[in-house]
């Protein structure tokens, strides 16, 4: 299991996950600019937001054929699954980093005026 995790968290995959995160961020910003009440919509909050990174990863894997995919993921469908899994990992990594920063990032000092 440790070998599989080591193969997932190599530099090209981390860059791929960063690209997914950036694309999803741009999609969310564009939607929020075009649709002011997007956050109030239940469909948007409960379906689009969680599925956004997964779908973006799959679509990105379809479009980028030159990426150094592992040998087991050379077929088209396998690439889409690989990209979707990296999108899922990217979404969870963002949530973990965000919660970590919320817990440990509060550096305000109440004693200062």
PDB file of N, CA and C in Angstrom:
ATOM      1  N   UNK A   1       0.823  -1.198   0.000  1.00  0.00           N
ATOM      2  CA  UNK A   1       0.000   0.000   0.000  1.00  0.00           C
ATOM      3  C   UNK A   1       0.862   1.254   0.000  1.00  0.00           C
ATOM      4  N   UNK A   2       1.973   1.220   0.743  1.00  0.00           N
ATOM      5  CA  UNK A   2       2.848   2.380   0.784  1.00  0.00           C
ATOM      6  C   UNK A   2       3.461   2.652  -0.581  1.00  0.00           C
ATOM      7  N   UNK A   3       3.731   1.599  -1.345  1.00  0.00           N
ATOM      8  CA  UNK A   3       4.287   1.766  -2.678  1.00  0.00           C
ATOM      9  C   UNK A   3       3.274   2.441  -3.606  1.00  0.00           C
ATOM     10  N   UNK A   4       1.996   2.076  -3.470  1.00  0.00           N
ATOM     11  CA  UNK A   4       0.958   2.705  -4.295  1.00  0.00           C
ATOM     12  C   UNK A   4       0.829   4.188  -3.957  1.00  0.00           C
ATOM     13  N   UNK A   5       0.872   4.521  -2.676  1.00  0.00           N
ATOM     14  CA  UNK A   5       0.799   5.933  -2.281  1.00  0.00           C
ATOM     15  C   UNK A   5       2.014   6.704  -2.762  1.00  0.00           C
ATOM     16  N   UNK A   6       3.172   6.068  -2.713  1.00  0.00           N
ATOM     17  CA  UNK A   6       4.387   6.734  -3.188  1.00  0.00           C
ATOM     18  C   UNK A   6       4.307   6.998  -4.690  1.00  0.00           C
ATOM     19  N   UNK A   7       3.656   6.110  -5.434  1.00  0.00           N
ATOM     20  CA  UNK A   7       3.515   6.315  -6.874  1.00  0.00           C
ATOM     21  C   UNK A   7       2.490   7.387  -7.197  1.00  0.00           C
ATOM     22  N   UNK A   8       1.508   7.592  -6.326  1.00  0.00           N
ATOM     23  CA  UNK A   8       0.503   8.632  -6.572  1.00  0.00           C
ATOM     24  C   UNK A   8       1.077  10.016  -6.308  1.00  0.00           C
ATOM     25  N   UNK A   9       1.864  10.150  -5.231  1.00  0.00           N
ATOM     26  CA  UNK A   9       2.351  11.463  -4.834  1.00  0.00           C
ATOM     27  C   UNK A   9       3.748  11.747  -5.384  1.00  0.00           C
ATOM     28  N   UNK A  10       3.892  11.606  -6.701  1.00  0.00           N
ATOM     29  CA  UNK A  10       5.122  12.012  -7.381  1.00  0.00           C
ATOM     30  C   UNK A  10       4.885  13.398  -7.968  1.00  0.00           C
ATOM     31  N   UNK A  11       5.955  14.084  -8.324  1.00  0.00           N
ATOM     32  CA  UNK A  11       5.853  15.482  -8.754  1.00  0.00           C
ATOM     33  C   UNK A  11       4.905  15.699  -9.945  1.00  0.00           C
ATOM     34  N   UNK A  12       4.933  14.879 -11.012  1.00  0.00           N
ATOM     35  CA  UNK A  12       3.991  15.140 -12.108  1.00  0.00           C
ATOM     36  C   UNK A  12       2.527  15.040 -11.668  1.00  0.00           C
ATOM     37  N   UNK A  13       2.216  14.087 -10.788  1.00  0.00           N
ATOM     38  CA  UNK A  13       0.841  13.963 -10.314  1.00  0.00           C
ATOM     39  C   UNK A  13       0.458  15.125  -9.414  1.00  0.00           C
ATOM     40  N   UNK A  14       1.382  15.601  -8.604  1.00  0.00           N
ATOM     41  CA  UNK A  14       1.097  16.765  -7.768  1.00  0.00           C
ATOM     42  C   UNK A  14       0.836  18.005  -8.622  1.00  0.00           C
ATOM     43  N   UNK A  15       1.580  18.148  -9.706  1.00  0.00           N
ATOM     44  CA  UNK A  15       1.357  19.262 -10.627  1.00  0.00           C
ATOM     45  C   UNK A  15       0.000  19.115 -11.315  1.00  0.00           C
ATOM     46  N   UNK A  16      -0.353  17.891 -11.678  1.00  0.00           N
ATOM     47  CA  UNK A  16      -1.654  17.617 -12.282  1.00  0.00           C
ATOM     48  C   UNK A  16      -2.783  17.980 -11.305  1.00  0.00           C
ATOM     49  N   UNK A  17      -2.618  17.605 -10.022  1.00  0.00           N
ATOM     50  CA  UNK A  17      -3.623  17.945  -9.015  1.00  0.00           C
ATOM     51  C   UNK A  17      -3.704  19.449  -8.805  1.00  0.00           C
ATOM     52  N   UNK A  18      -2.574  20.136  -8.854  1.00  0.00           N
ATOM     53  CA  UNK A  18      -2.575  21.590  -8.735  1.00  0.00           C
ATOM     54  C   UNK A  18      -3.300  22.223  -9.921  1.00  0.00           C
ATOM     55  N   UNK A  19      -3.085  21.680 -11.104  1.00  0.00           N
ATOM     56  CA  UNK A  19      -3.787  22.185 -12.290  1.00  0.00           C
ATOM     57  C   UNK A  19      -5.292  21.979 -12.153  1.00  0.00           C
ATOM     58  N   UNK A  20      -5.701  20.840 -11.622  1.00  0.00           N
ATOM     59  CA  UNK A  20      -7.128  20.585 -11.397  1.00  0.00           C
ATOM     60  C   UNK A  20      -7.676  21.603 -10.410  1.00  0.00           C
ATOM     61  N   UNK A  21      -6.942  21.828  -9.320  1.00  0.00           N
ATOM     62  CA  UNK A  21      -7.405  22.776  -8.308  1.00  0.00           C
ATOM     63  C   UNK A  21      -7.553  24.175  -8.899  1.00  0.00           C
ATOM     64  N   UNK A  22      -6.589  24.597  -9.701  1.00  0.00           N
ATOM     65  CA  UNK A  22      -6.651  25.931 -10.319  1.00  0.00           C
ATOM     66  C   UNK A  22      -7.828  26.028 -11.282  1.00  0.00           C
ATOM     67  N   UNK A  23      -8.042  25.000 -12.095  1.00  0.00           N
ATOM     68  CA  UNK A  23      -9.173  25.011 -13.026  1.00  0.00           C
ATOM     69  C   UNK A  23     -10.508  25.050 -12.300  1.00  0.00           C
ATOM     70  N   UNK A  24     -10.634  24.280 -11.236  1.00  0.00           N
ATOM     71  CA  UNK A  24     -11.879  24.279 -10.466  1.00  0.00           C
ATOM     72  C   UNK A  24     -12.087  25.634  -9.807  1.00  0.00           C
ATOM     73  N   UNK A  25     -11.029  26.226  -9.287  1.00  0.00           N
ATOM     74  CA  UNK A  25     -11.139  27.554  -8.689  1.00  0.00           C
ATOM     75  C   UNK A  25     -11.614  28.578  -9.727  1.00  0.00           C
ATOM     76  N   UNK A  26     -11.047  28.509 -10.932  1.00  0.00           N
ATOM     77  CA  UNK A  26     -11.463  29.432 -11.995  1.00  0.00           C
ATOM     78  C   UNK A  26     -12.924  29.191 -12.391  1.00  0.00           C
ATOM     79  N   UNK A  27     -13.340  27.928 -12.453  1.00  0.00           N
ATOM     80  CA  UNK A  27     -14.733  27.621 -12.775  1.00  0.00           C
ATOM     81  C   UNK A  27     -15.669  28.196 -11.714  1.00  0.00           C
ATOM     82  N   UNK A  28     -15.317  28.009 -10.449  1.00  0.00           N
ATOM     83  CA  UNK A  28     -16.171  28.499  -9.367  1.00  0.00           C
ATOM     84  C   UNK A  28     -16.249  30.021  -9.365  1.00  0.00           C
ATOM     85  N   UNK A  29     -15.126  30.685  -9.624  1.00  0.00           N
ATOM     86  CA  UNK A  29     -15.132  32.150  -9.670  1.00  0.00           C
ATOM     87  C   UNK A  29     -15.976  32.652 -10.840  1.00  0.00           C
ATOM     88  N   UNK A  30     -15.846  31.998 -11.996  1.00  0.00           N
ATOM     89  CA  UNK A  30     -16.629  32.410 -13.156  1.00  0.00           C
ATOM     90  C   UNK A  30     -18.124  32.213 -12.911  1.00  0.00           C
ATOM     91  N   UNK A  31     -18.484  31.096 -12.306  1.00  0.00           N
ATOM     92  CA  UNK A  31     -19.898  30.846 -12.024  1.00  0.00           C
ATOM     93  C   UNK A  31     -20.418  31.847 -11.002  1.00  0.00           C
ATOM     94  N   UNK A  32     -19.628  32.143  -9.977  1.00  0.00           N
ATOM     95  CA  UNK A  32     -20.100  33.095  -8.969  1.00  0.00           C
ATOM     96  C   UNK A  32     -20.213  34.509  -9.526  1.00  0.00           C
ATOM     97  N   UNK A  33     -19.391  34.842 -10.518  1.00  0.00           N
ATOM     98  CA  UNK A  33     -19.520  36.165 -11.145  1.00  0.00           C
ATOM     99  C   UNK A  33     -20.731  36.230 -12.068  1.00  0.00           C
ATOM    100  N   UNK A  34     -20.992  35.157 -12.789  1.00  0.00           N
ATOM    101  CA  UNK A  34     -22.109  35.144 -13.729  1.00  0.00           C
ATOM    102  C   UNK A  34     -23.452  34.876 -13.055  1.00  0.00           C
ATOM    103  N   UNK A  35     -23.429  34.101 -11.985  1.00  0.00           N
ATOM    104  CA  UNK A  35     -24.649  33.697 -11.294  1.00  0.00           C
ATOM    105  C   UNK A  35     -24.497  34.084  -9.830  1.00  0.00           C
ATOM    106  N   UNK A  36     -25.033  35.211  -9.476  1.00  0.00           N
ATOM    107  CA  UNK A  36     -24.820  35.791  -8.150  1.00  0.00           C
ATOM    108  C   UNK A  36     -25.379  34.916  -7.018  1.00  0.00           C
ATOM    109  N   UNK A  37     -26.436  34.163  -7.278  1.00  0.00           N
ATOM    110  CA  UNK A  37     -27.064  33.362  -6.227  1.00  0.00           C
ATOM    111  C   UNK A  37     -26.687  31.883  -6.324  1.00  0.00           C
ATOM    112  N   UNK A  38     -25.503  31.606  -6.849  1.00  0.00           N
ATOM    113  CA  UNK A  38     -25.092  30.209  -7.026  1.00  0.00           C
ATOM    114  C   UNK A  38     -24.952  29.500  -5.691  1.00  0.00           C
ATOM    115  N   UNK A  39     -24.384  30.166  -4.696  1.00  0.00           N
ATOM    116  CA  UNK A  39     -24.186  29.536  -3.384  1.00  0.00           C
ATOM    117  C   UNK A  39     -25.501  29.220  -2.690  1.00  0.00           C
ATOM    118  N   UNK A  40     -26.570  29.894  -3.062  1.00  0.00           N
ATOM    119  CA  UNK A  40     -27.874  29.634  -2.458  1.00  0.00           C
ATOM    120  C   UNK A  40     -28.582  28.447  -3.098  1.00  0.00           C
ATOM    121  N   UNK A  41     -28.139  28.042  -4.281  1.00  0.00           N
ATOM    122  CA  UNK A  41     -28.778  26.950  -5.007  1.00  0.00           C
ATOM    123  C   UNK A  41     -28.319  25.606  -4.444  1.00  0.00           C
ATOM    124  N   UNK A  42     -29.278  24.770  -4.067  1.00  0.00           N
ATOM    125  CA  UNK A  42     -28.960  23.467  -3.473  1.00  0.00           C
ATOM    126  C   UNK A  42     -28.272  22.545  -4.481  1.00  0.00           C
ATOM    127  N   UNK A  43     -28.716  22.561  -5.729  1.00  0.00           N
ATOM    128  CA  UNK A  43     -28.113  21.741  -6.777  1.00  0.00           C
ATOM    129  C   UNK A  43     -26.635  22.095  -6.962  1.00  0.00           C
ATOM    130  N   UNK A  44     -26.341  23.366  -6.971  1.00  0.00           N
ATOM    131  CA  UNK A  44     -24.961  23.825  -7.138  1.00  0.00           C
ATOM    132  C   UNK A  44     -24.097  23.418  -5.946  1.00  0.00           C
ATOM    133  N   UNK A  45     -24.597  23.656  -4.738  1.00  0.00           N
ATOM    134  CA  UNK A  45     -23.835  23.369  -3.522  1.00  0.00           C
ATOM    135  C   UNK A  45     -23.612  21.875  -3.307  1.00  0.00           C
ATOM    136  N   UNK A  46     -24.641  21.058  -3.511  1.00  0.00           N
ATOM    137  CA  UNK A  46     -24.559  19.659  -3.132  1.00  0.00           C
ATOM    138  C   UNK A  46     -24.163  18.718  -4.261  1.00  0.00           C
ATOM    139  N   UNK A  47     -24.225  19.168  -5.492  1.00  0.00           N
ATOM    140  CA  UNK A  47     -23.840  18.294  -6.601  1.00  0.00           C
ATOM    141  C   UNK A  47     -22.637  18.842  -7.370  1.00  0.00           C
ATOM    142  N   UNK A  48     -22.733  20.081  -7.810  1.00  0.00           N
ATOM    143  CA  UNK A  48     -21.670  20.626  -8.647  1.00  0.00           C
ATOM    144  C   UNK A  48     -20.365  20.833  -7.893  1.00  0.00           C
ATOM    145  N   UNK A  49     -20.442  21.416  -6.708  1.00  0.00           N
ATOM    146  CA  UNK A  49     -19.208  21.695  -5.966  1.00  0.00           C
ATOM    147  C   UNK A  49     -18.435  20.421  -5.599  1.00  0.00           C
ATOM    148  N   UNK A  50     -19.087  19.375  -5.068  1.00  0.00           N
ATOM    149  CA  UNK A  50     -18.309  18.164  -4.769  1.00  0.00           C
ATOM    150  C   UNK A  50     -17.840  17.417  -6.015  1.00  0.00           C
ATOM    151  N   UNK A  51     -18.607  17.446  -7.090  1.00  0.00           N
ATOM    152  CA  UNK A  51     -18.255  16.693  -8.287  1.00  0.00           C
ATOM    153  C   UNK A  51     -17.354  17.478  -9.240  1.00  0.00           C
ATOM    154  N   UNK A  52     -17.188  18.767  -9.011  1.00  0.00           N
ATOM    155  CA  UNK A  52     -16.383  19.611  -9.891  1.00  0.00           C
ATOM    156  C   UNK A  52     -14.955  19.130 -10.083  1.00  0.00           C
ATOM    157  N   UNK A  53     -14.210  18.860  -9.007  1.00  0.00           N
ATOM    158  CA  UNK A  53     -12.823  18.401  -9.183  1.00  0.00           C
ATOM    159  C   UNK A  53     -12.724  17.034  -9.861  1.00  0.00           C
ATOM    160  N   UNK A  54     -13.679  16.158  -9.581  1.00  0.00           N
ATOM    161  CA  UNK A  54     -13.648  14.823 -10.180  1.00  0.00           C
ATOM    162  C   UNK A  54     -13.874  14.923 -11.683  1.00  0.00           C
ATOM    163  N   UNK A  55     -14.884  15.683 -12.077  1.00  0.00           N
ATOM    164  CA  UNK A  55     -15.165  15.857 -13.505  1.00  0.00           C
ATOM    165  C   UNK A  55     -14.064  16.611 -14.222  1.00  0.00           C
ATOM    166  N   UNK A  56     -13.523  17.625 -13.570  1.00  0.00           N
ATOM    167  CA  UNK A  56     -12.438  18.390 -14.174  1.00  0.00           C
ATOM    168  C   UNK A  56     -11.205  17.526 -14.369  1.00  0.00           C
ATOM    169  N   UNK A  57     -10.899  16.672 -13.396  1.00  0.00           N
ATOM    170  CA  UNK A  57      -9.760  15.762 -13.527  1.00  0.00           C
ATOM    171  C   UNK A  57      -9.942  14.789 -14.670  1.00  0.00           C
ATOM    172  N   UNK A  58     -11.159  14.254 -14.821  1.00  0.00           N
ATOM    173  CA  UNK A  58     -11.435  13.340 -15.928  1.00  0.00           C
ATOM    174  C   UNK A  58     -11.338  14.022 -17.282  1.00  0.00           C
ATOM    175  N   UNK A  59     -11.884  15.215 -17.377  1.00  0.00           N
ATOM    176  CA  UNK A  59     -11.835  15.954 -18.645  1.00  0.00           C
ATOM    177  C   UNK A  59     -10.400  16.359 -18.968  1.00  0.00           C
ATOM    178  N   UNK A  60      -9.656  16.793 -17.960  1.00  0.00           N
ATOM    179  CA  UNK A  60      -8.260  17.164 -18.181  1.00  0.00           C
ATOM    180  C   UNK A  60      -7.443  15.964 -18.641  1.00  0.00           C
ATOM    181  N   UNK A  61      -7.724  14.796 -18.074  1.00  0.00           N
ATOM    182  CA  UNK A  61      -7.018  13.579 -18.496  1.00  0.00           C
ATOM    183  C   UNK A  61      -7.373  13.190 -19.932  1.00  0.00           C
ATOM    184  N   UNK A  62      -8.602  13.498 -20.356  1.00  0.00           N
ATOM    185  CA  UNK A  62      -8.981  13.224 -21.747  1.00  0.00           C
ATOM    186  C   UNK A  62      -8.213  14.126 -22.699  1.00  0.00           C
ATOM    187  N   UNK A  63      -8.018  15.371 -22.306  1.00  0.00           N
ATOM    188  CA  UNK A  63      -7.404  16.355 -23.195  1.00  0.00           C
ATOM    189  C   UNK A  63      -5.883  16.289 -23.229  1.00  0.00           C
ATOM    190  N   UNK A  64      -5.256  15.948 -22.109  1.00  0.00           N
ATOM    191  CA  UNK A  64      -3.800  15.961 -22.014  1.00  0.00           C
ATOM    192  C   UNK A  64      -3.287  14.534 -22.199  1.00  0.00           C
ATOM    193  N   UNK A  65      -2.861  14.229 -23.405  1.00  0.00           N
ATOM    194  CA  UNK A  65      -2.377  12.881 -23.708  1.00  0.00           C
ATOM    195  C   UNK A  65      -0.873  12.746 -23.477  1.00  0.00           C
ATOM    196  N   UNK A  66      -0.157  13.856 -23.411  1.00  0.00           N
ATOM    197  CA  UNK A  66       1.297  13.828 -23.272  1.00  0.00           C
ATOM    198  C   UNK A  66       1.746  13.674 -21.823  1.00  0.00           C
ATOM    199  N   UNK A  67       0.829  13.692 -20.878  1.00  0.00           N
ATOM    200  CA  UNK A  67       1.177  13.582 -19.468  1.00  0.00           C
ATOM    201  C   UNK A  67       1.809  12.213 -19.198  1.00  0.00           C
ATOM    202  N   UNK A  68       2.803  12.131 -18.309  1.00  0.00           N
ATOM    203  CA  UNK A  68       3.435  10.830 -18.024  1.00  0.00           C
ATOM    204  C   UNK A  68       2.564   9.955 -17.122  1.00  0.00           C
ATOM    205  N   UNK A  69       1.508   9.393 -17.698  1.00  0.00           N
ATOM    206  CA  UNK A  69       0.629   8.506 -16.953  1.00  0.00           C
ATOM    207  C   UNK A  69       1.372   7.226 -16.601  1.00  0.00           C
ATOM    208  N   UNK A  70       1.011   6.574 -15.490  1.00  0.00           N
ATOM    209  CA  UNK A  70       1.593   5.250 -15.201  1.00  0.00           C
ATOM    210  C   UNK A  70       1.236   4.268 -16.315  1.00  0.00           C
ATOM    211  N   UNK A  71       2.044   3.247 -16.466  1.00  0.00           N
ATOM    212  CA  UNK A  71       1.872   2.299 -17.572  1.00  0.00           C
ATOM    213  C   UNK A  71       0.497   1.632 -17.553  1.00  0.00           C
ATOM    214  N   UNK A  72      -0.055   1.403 -16.385  1.00  0.00           N
ATOM    215  CA  UNK A  72      -1.361   0.752 -16.289  1.00  0.00           C
ATOM    216  C   UNK A  72      -2.500   1.655 -16.767  1.00  0.00           C
ATOM    217  N   UNK A  73      -2.250   2.949 -16.908  1.00  0.00           N
ATOM    218  CA  UNK A  73      -3.288   3.902 -17.281  1.00  0.00           C
ATOM    219  C   UNK A  73      -3.057   4.498 -18.671  1.00  0.00           C
ATOM    220  N   UNK A  74      -2.596   3.697 -19.592  1.00  0.00           N
ATOM    221  CA  UNK A  74      -2.319   4.217 -20.932  1.00  0.00           C
ATOM    222  C   UNK A  74      -3.564   4.239 -21.823  1.00  0.00           C
ATOM    223  N   UNK A  75      -4.558   3.431 -21.536  1.00  0.00           N
ATOM    224  CA  UNK A  75      -5.796   3.419 -22.328  1.00  0.00           C
ATOM    225  C   UNK A  75      -6.634   4.653 -22.003  1.00  0.00           C
ATOM    226  N   UNK A  76      -7.530   4.997 -22.927  1.00  0.00           N
ATOM    227  CA  UNK A  76      -8.340   6.211 -22.774  1.00  0.00           C
ATOM    228  C   UNK A  76      -9.187   6.176 -21.507  1.00  0.00           C
ATOM    229  N   UNK A  77      -9.931   5.121 -21.298  1.00  0.00           N
ATOM    230  CA  UNK A  77     -10.801   5.018 -20.121  1.00  0.00           C
ATOM    231  C   UNK A  77     -10.015   5.011 -18.826  1.00  0.00           C
ATOM    232  N   UNK A  78      -8.873   4.352 -18.842  1.00  0.00           N
ATOM    233  CA  UNK A  78      -8.030   4.307 -17.647  1.00  0.00           C
ATOM    234  C   UNK A  78      -7.471   5.694 -17.334  1.00  0.00           C
ATOM    235  N   UNK A  79      -7.134   6.467 -18.375  1.00  0.00           N
ATOM    236  CA  UNK A  79      -6.653   7.835 -18.156  1.00  0.00           C
ATOM    237  C   UNK A  79      -7.735   8.696 -17.517  1.00  0.00           C
ATOM    238  N   UNK A  80      -8.971   8.533 -17.978  1.00  0.00           N
ATOM    239  CA  UNK A  80     -10.082   9.308 -17.419  1.00  0.00           C
ATOM    240  C   UNK A  80     -10.284   8.945 -15.950  1.00  0.00           C
ATOM    241  N   UNK A  81     -10.222   7.661 -15.627  1.00  0.00           N
ATOM    242  CA  UNK A  81     -10.355   7.234 -14.235  1.00  0.00           C
ATOM    243  C   UNK A  81      -9.196   7.787 -13.401  1.00  0.00           C
ATOM    244  N   UNK A  82      -7.990   7.716 -13.938  1.00  0.00           N
ATOM    245  CA  UNK A  82      -6.819   8.233 -13.239  1.00  0.00           C
ATOM    246  C   UNK A  82      -6.977   9.727 -12.969  1.00  0.00           C
ATOM    247  N   UNK A  83      -7.408  10.490 -13.958  1.00  0.00           N
ATOM    248  CA  UNK A  83      -7.623  11.922 -13.772  1.00  0.00           C
ATOM    249  C   UNK A  83      -8.726  12.215 -12.769  1.00  0.00           C
ATOM    250  N   UNK A  84      -9.777  11.407 -12.784  1.00  0.00           N
ATOM    251  CA  UNK A  84     -10.866  11.590 -11.825  1.00  0.00           C
ATOM    252  C   UNK A  84     -10.407  11.314 -10.401  1.00  0.00           C
ATOM    253  N   UNK A  85      -9.585  10.281 -10.231  1.00  0.00           N
ATOM    254  CA  UNK A  85      -9.054   9.965  -8.905  1.00  0.00           C
ATOM    255  C   UNK A  85      -8.131  11.085  -8.430  1.00  0.00           C
ATOM    256  N   UNK A  86      -7.298  11.609  -9.319  1.00  0.00           N
ATOM    257  CA  UNK A  86      -6.443  12.737  -8.918  1.00  0.00           C
ATOM    258  C   UNK A  86      -7.279  13.965  -8.580  1.00  0.00           C
ATOM    259  N   UNK A  87      -8.394  14.164  -9.275  1.00  0.00           N
ATOM    260  CA  UNK A  87      -9.300  15.258  -8.935  1.00  0.00           C
ATOM    261  C   UNK A  87      -9.928  15.060  -7.565  1.00  0.00           C
ATOM    262  N   UNK A  88     -10.297  13.822  -7.247  1.00  0.00           N
ATOM    263  CA  UNK A  88     -10.854  13.515  -5.938  1.00  0.00           C
ATOM    264  C   UNK A  88      -9.822  13.762  -4.840  1.00  0.00           C
ATOM    265  N   UNK A  89      -8.595  13.334  -5.078  1.00  0.00           N
ATOM    266  CA  UNK A  89      -7.520  13.574  -4.105  1.00  0.00           C
ATOM    267  C   UNK A  89      -7.261  15.068  -3.965  1.00  0.00           C
ATOM    268  N   UNK A  90      -7.296  15.783  -5.074  1.00  0.00           N
ATOM    269  CA  UNK A  90      -7.075  17.228  -5.048  1.00  0.00           C
ATOM    270  C   UNK A  90      -8.135  17.922  -4.205  1.00  0.00           C
ATOM    271  N   UNK A  91      -9.386  17.514  -4.341  1.00  0.00           N
ATOM    272  CA  UNK A  91     -10.468  18.123  -3.574  1.00  0.00           C
ATOM    273  C   UNK A  91     -10.298  17.856  -2.086  1.00  0.00           C
ATOM    274  N   UNK A  92      -9.934  16.632  -1.737  1.00  0.00           N
ATOM    275  CA  UNK A  92      -9.760  16.308  -0.325  1.00  0.00           C
ATOM    276  C   UNK A  92      -8.516  16.972   0.258  1.00  0.00           C
ATOM    277  N   UNK A  93      -7.473  17.089  -0.526  1.00  0.00           N
ATOM    278  CA  UNK A  93      -6.271  17.772  -0.042  1.00  0.00           C
ATOM    279  C   UNK A  93      -6.594  19.237   0.244  1.00  0.00           C
ATOM    280  N   UNK A  94      -7.396  19.856  -0.617  1.00  0.00           N
ATOM    281  CA  UNK A  94      -7.793  21.246  -0.400  1.00  0.00           C
ATOM    282  C   UNK A  94      -8.575  21.379   0.905  1.00  0.00           C
ATOM    283  N   UNK A  95      -9.509  20.456   1.149  1.00  0.00           N
ATOM    284  CA  UNK A  95     -10.301  20.510   2.378  1.00  0.00           C
ATOM    285  C   UNK A  95      -9.418  20.327   3.610  1.00  0.00           C
ATOM    286  N   UNK A  96      -8.460  19.406   3.531  1.00  0.00           N
ATOM    287  CA  UNK A  96      -7.578  19.169   4.669  1.00  0.00           C
ATOM    288  C   UNK A  96      -6.697  20.383   4.941  1.00  0.00           C
ATOM    289  N   UNK A  97      -6.151  20.973   3.895  1.00  0.00           N
ATOM    290  CA  UNK A  97      -5.291  22.148   4.063  1.00  0.00           C
ATOM    291  C   UNK A  97      -6.101  23.317   4.598  1.00  0.00           C
ATOM    292  N   UNK A  98      -7.309  23.487   4.088  1.00  0.00           N
ATOM    293  CA  UNK A  98      -8.164  24.578   4.544  1.00  0.00           C
ATOM    294  C   UNK A  98      -8.518  24.420   6.021  1.00  0.00           C
ATOM    295  N   UNK A  99      -8.859  23.211   6.456  1.00  0.00           N
ATOM    296  CA  UNK A  99      -9.190  23.009   7.868  1.00  0.00           C
ATOM    297  C   UNK A  99      -7.947  23.158   8.747  1.00  0.00           C
ATOM    298  N   UNK A 100      -6.797  22.717   8.260  1.00  0.00           N
ATOM    299  CA  UNK A 100      -5.556  22.883   9.009  1.00  0.00           C
ATOM    300  C   UNK A 100      -5.227  24.355   9.184  1.00  0.00           C
ATOM    301  N   UNK A 101      -5.376  25.123   8.106  1.00  0.00           N
ATOM    302  CA  UNK A 101      -5.094  26.550   8.184  1.00  0.00           C
ATOM    303  C   UNK A 101      -6.105  27.253   9.097  1.00  0.00           C
ATOM    304  N   UNK A 102      -7.347  26.805   9.102  1.00  0.00           N
ATOM    305  CA  UNK A 102      -8.347  27.420   9.970  1.00  0.00           C
ATOM    306  C   UNK A 102      -8.032  27.159  11.434  1.00  0.00           C
ATOM    307  N   UNK A 103      -7.537  25.955  11.738  1.00  0.00           N
ATOM    308  CA  UNK A 103      -7.206  25.631  13.128  1.00  0.00           C
ATOM    309  C   UNK A 103      -5.908  26.294  13.572  1.00  0.00           C
ATOM    310  N   UNK A 104      -4.880  26.234  12.736  1.00  0.00           N
ATOM    311  CA  UNK A 104      -3.551  26.690  13.134  1.00  0.00           C
ATOM    312  C   UNK A 104      -3.160  28.050  12.578  1.00  0.00           C
ATOM    313  N   UNK A 105      -3.961  28.600  11.723  1.00  0.00           N
ATOM    314  CA  UNK A 105      -3.592  29.850  11.076  1.00  0.00           C
ATOM    315  C   UNK A 105      -4.035  31.088  11.805  1.00  0.00           C
ATOM    316  N   UNK A 106      -4.774  30.937  12.900  1.00  0.00           N
ATOM    317  CA  UNK A 106      -5.242  32.101  13.644  1.00  0.00           C
ATOM    318  C   UNK A 106      -4.100  32.639  14.490  1.00  0.00           C
ATOM    319  N   UNK A 107      -3.455  33.696  14.005  1.00  0.00           N
ATOM    320  CA  UNK A 107      -2.320  34.275  14.711  1.00  0.00           C
ATOM    321  C   UNK A 107      -2.666  35.606  15.348  1.00  0.00           C
ATOM    322  N   UNK A 108      -3.954  35.930  15.389  1.00  0.00           N
ATOM    323  CA  UNK A 108      -4.326  37.220  15.978  1.00  0.00           C
ATOM    324  C   UNK A 108      -4.134  37.173  17.490  1.00  0.00           C
ATOM    325  N   UNK A 109      -3.685  38.264  18.010  1.00  0.00           N
ATOM    326  CA  UNK A 109      -3.427  38.389  19.440  1.00  0.00           C
ATOM    327  C   UNK A 109      -4.460  39.338  20.012  1.00  0.00           C
ATOM    328  N   UNK A 110      -5.249  38.849  20.968  1.00  0.00           N
ATOM    329  CA  UNK A 110      -6.319  39.658  21.535  1.00  0.00           C
ATOM    330  C   UNK A 110      -5.794  40.746  22.453  1.00  0.00           C
ATOM    331  N   UNK A 111      -4.539  40.666  22.870  1.00  0.00           N
ATOM    332  CA  UNK A 111      -4.012  41.660  23.798  1.00  0.00           C
ATOM    333  C   UNK A 111      -3.594  42.963  23.121  1.00  0.00           C
ATOM    334  N   UNK A 112      -3.475  42.952  21.800  1.00  0.00           N
ATOM    335  CA  UNK A 112      -3.076  44.185  21.104  1.00  0.00           C
ATOM    336  C   UNK A 112      -4.297  45.060  20.930  1.00  0.00           C
ATOM    337  N   UNK A 113      -4.138  46.393  21.071  1.00  0.00           N
ATOM    338  CA  UNK A 113      -5.284  47.300  20.931  1.00  0.00           C
ATOM    339  C   UNK A 113      -5.766  47.445  19.524  1.00  0.00           C
TER     340      UNK A 113
END
